[in-house]
Amino acid sequence: MDIYEFAMKMELDGKKHYTELMEIADNNGVKVLFNILAQEEQAHYDILKSLQNKIELGYESKVLDMAKNVFEMMFEGSDQVKTMLSGDALVHALKLENESIAFYKEKMIASTDELEKKTFKKLMVEEKKHYFLIENLYDHISGGLIRGIESAEFQQMDDEELE
């Protein structure tokens, strides 16, 4: 299996995981978040497929732009999110995102092709955004605060800060 096939399988596995979490979620905001993450993983698959064919696919993620509204919807007057999702599922999702970050970073460093380097860097940054969102959800469920969601840091986060 070549690097593209491996990475595409990894993205489809992530999509499947988020789709499964979306299906068991009782809270509409949580469903929306996991649906967005599943769509993001599909977009990453599409980017990798185009890269495999040496075609640059333009894609700009809006996941952080949507996150504040989604988080507000999730937690509006309800504690059901805390009981509805297993912290283990989120820890597993964090582990998968962390593995994706490490994978894309390694491939970005190892690649000698500029289009590959650029694409792997972009995917690494996208996976860091996913990690950030899941981590904030986990923190809230485990009794912590939603770090950064209300902050200027979250509002103005850009790709360079995540590199």
Protein backbone atom coordinates (compact mmCIF):
# COMPACT_ATOMS: atom_id res chain seq x y z
CA MET A 1 0.00 0.00 0.00
CA ASP A 2 1.49 3.34 -1.00
CA ILE A 3 1.49 6.50 1.08
CA TYR A 4 -1.62 7.89 -0.62
CA GLU A 5 -3.63 4.70 -0.17
CA PHE A 6 -2.61 4.54 3.49
CA ALA A 7 -3.50 8.19 4.14
CA MET A 8 -6.81 7.88 2.28
CA LYS A 9 -7.73 4.81 4.34
CA MET A 10 -6.82 6.73 7.50
CA GLU A 11 -9.16 9.58 6.48
CA LEU A 12 -12.01 7.20 5.65
CA ASP A 13 -11.53 5.48 9.02
CA GLY A 14 -11.81 8.88 10.69
CA LYS A 15 -14.97 9.66 8.72
CA LYS A 16 -16.48 6.34 9.82
CA HIS A 17 -15.60 7.01 13.46
CA TYR A 18 -17.18 10.48 13.44
CA THR A 19 -20.26 9.17 11.62
CA GLU A 20 -20.69 6.49 14.30
CA LEU A 21 -20.34 9.09 17.06
CA MET A 22 -22.85 11.31 15.26
CA GLU A 23 -25.37 8.46 15.14
CA ILE A 24 -25.23 7.82 18.90
CA ALA A 25 -25.30 11.48 19.93
CA ASP A 26 -28.49 12.72 21.58
CA ASN A 27 -27.60 16.39 21.40
CA ASN A 28 -28.16 18.24 18.10
CA GLY A 29 -25.05 20.38 18.55
CA VAL A 30 -22.89 17.30 19.11
CA LYS A 31 -24.44 15.67 16.03
CA VAL A 32 -23.57 18.77 14.00
CA LEU A 33 -19.98 18.78 15.29
CA PHE A 34 -19.40 15.12 14.44
CA ASN A 35 -21.09 15.57 11.05
CA ILE A 36 -18.74 18.49 10.30
CA LEU A 37 -15.72 16.40 11.32
CA ALA A 38 -16.91 13.48 9.15
CA GLN A 39 -17.28 15.86 6.19
CA GLU A 40 -13.81 17.25 6.88
CA GLU A 41 -12.33 13.75 6.78
CA GLN A 42 -14.06 13.13 3.43
CA ALA A 43 -12.60 16.40 2.13
CA HIS A 44 -9.15 15.26 3.27
CA TYR A 45 -9.68 11.99 1.39
CA ASP A 46 -10.58 13.98 -1.74
CA ILE A 47 -7.46 16.15 -1.36
CA LEU A 48 -5.26 13.05 -1.09
CA LYS A 49 -6.95 11.42 -4.08
CA SER A 50 -6.24 14.51 -6.18
CA LEU A 51 -2.66 14.64 -4.91
CA GLN A 52 -2.23 11.01 -5.90
CA ASN A 53 -3.14 12.15 -9.43
CA LYS A 54 -0.79 15.18 -9.09
CA ILE A 55 -3.69 17.64 -9.11
CA GLU A 56 -3.86 20.40 -6.52
CA LEU A 57 -7.35 20.63 -5.06
CA GLY A 58 -8.30 23.96 -3.57
CA TYR A 59 -9.98 23.53 -0.19
CA GLU A 60 -10.47 25.93 2.68
CA SER A 61 -11.81 24.47 5.91
CA LYS A 62 -14.36 26.48 7.84
CA VAL A 63 -14.37 24.12 10.84
CA LEU A 64 -13.15 26.72 13.35
CA ASP A 65 -15.50 29.35 11.96
CA MET A 66 -18.45 27.05 12.64
CA ALA A 67 -17.23 25.75 16.00
CA LYS A 68 -18.34 28.61 18.25
CA ASN A 69 -21.97 28.34 17.12
CA VAL A 70 -21.90 24.57 17.33
CA PHE A 71 -20.47 24.61 20.86
CA GLU A 72 -23.08 27.14 21.96
CA MET A 73 -25.82 24.93 20.52
CA MET A 74 -24.42 21.85 22.27
CA PHE A 75 -24.31 23.32 25.73
CA GLU A 76 -27.31 25.64 25.67
CA GLY A 77 -29.17 24.95 28.93
CA SER A 78 -28.31 21.26 29.03
CA ASP A 79 -26.00 18.89 30.80
CA GLN A 80 -27.06 15.95 28.66
CA VAL A 81 -23.83 16.15 26.66
CA LYS A 82 -21.93 14.99 29.74
CA THR A 83 -23.90 11.76 30.03
CA MET A 84 -24.52 11.19 26.34
CA LEU A 85 -20.95 10.83 25.18
CA SER A 86 -18.38 8.53 26.62
CA GLY A 87 -15.15 10.26 27.46
CA ASP A 88 -13.47 7.13 26.11
CA ALA A 89 -14.88 7.83 22.64
CA LEU A 90 -13.46 11.34 22.71
CA VAL A 91 -10.11 10.14 24.04
CA HIS A 92 -10.03 7.67 21.15
CA ALA A 93 -10.88 10.47 18.70
CA LEU A 94 -8.06 12.60 20.17
CA LYS A 95 -5.67 9.68 19.75
CA LEU A 96 -6.69 9.27 16.08
CA GLU A 97 -6.28 12.98 15.40
CA ASN A 98 -2.89 13.01 17.12
CA GLU A 99 -1.76 10.05 15.00
CA SER A 100 -2.92 11.89 11.88
CA ILE A 101 -1.00 15.00 12.90
CA ALA A 102 2.18 12.97 13.43
CA PHE A 103 1.69 11.08 10.16
CA TYR A 104 1.24 14.21 8.04
CA LYS A 105 4.13 15.98 9.76
CA GLU A 106 6.43 13.02 9.09
CA LYS A 107 5.37 12.83 5.43
CA MET A 108 5.70 16.60 4.99
CA ILE A 109 9.28 16.50 6.31
CA ALA A 110 10.21 13.43 4.25
CA SER A 111 8.70 14.56 0.95
CA THR A 112 10.87 16.11 -1.74
CA ASP A 113 7.88 17.12 -3.89
CA GLU A 114 6.65 20.68 -3.22
CA LEU A 115 2.98 19.89 -3.92
CA GLU A 116 3.15 16.94 -1.51
CA LYS A 117 4.86 19.06 1.15
CA LYS A 118 2.23 21.78 0.82
CA THR A 119 -0.65 19.29 0.93
CA PHE A 120 0.70 17.33 3.90
CA LYS A 121 1.27 20.58 5.79
CA LYS A 122 -2.29 21.70 5.08
CA LEU A 123 -3.70 18.35 6.22
CA MET A 124 -1.58 18.45 9.38
CA VAL A 125 -2.99 21.88 10.22
CA GLU A 126 -6.54 20.67 9.57
CA GLU A 127 -6.05 17.70 11.89
CA LYS A 128 -4.75 20.08 14.58
CA LYS A 129 -7.99 22.05 14.28
CA HIS A 130 -9.98 18.84 14.77
CA TYR A 131 -7.86 17.96 17.78
CA PHE A 132 -8.49 21.39 19.30
CA LEU A 133 -12.27 21.06 18.91
CA ILE A 134 -12.45 17.55 20.34
CA GLU A 135 -10.15 18.50 23.21
CA ASN A 136 -12.45 21.40 24.12
CA LEU A 137 -15.51 19.14 24.05
CA TYR A 138 -13.71 16.60 26.23
CA ASP A 139 -12.63 19.32 28.68
CA HIS A 140 -16.21 20.49 29.02
CA ILE A 141 -17.60 17.00 29.52
CA SER A 142 -14.96 16.19 32.11
CA GLY A 143 -15.86 19.30 34.10
CA GLY A 144 -13.28 21.65 32.66
CA LEU A 145 -13.90 24.90 30.89
CA ILE A 146 -14.16 25.20 27.15
CA ARG A 147 -10.68 26.55 26.71
CA GLY A 148 -10.44 29.15 24.05
CA ILE A 149 -13.92 29.00 22.54
CA GLU A 150 -14.85 32.42 23.91
CA SER A 151 -11.36 33.82 23.68
CA ALA A 152 -9.84 36.09 21.11
CA GLU A 153 -7.27 33.35 20.55
CA PHE A 154 -9.97 30.99 19.27
CA GLN A 155 -11.67 33.69 17.22
CA GLN A 156 -8.45 34.67 15.47
CA MET A 157 -6.72 31.31 15.26
CA ASP A 158 -5.22 30.76 11.86
CA ASP A 159 -3.21 28.06 10.17
CA GLU A 160 0.16 29.57 11.07
CA GLU A 161 -0.61 29.33 14.78
CA LEU A 162 -1.37 25.64 14.37
CA GLU A 163 1.79 24.73 12.46
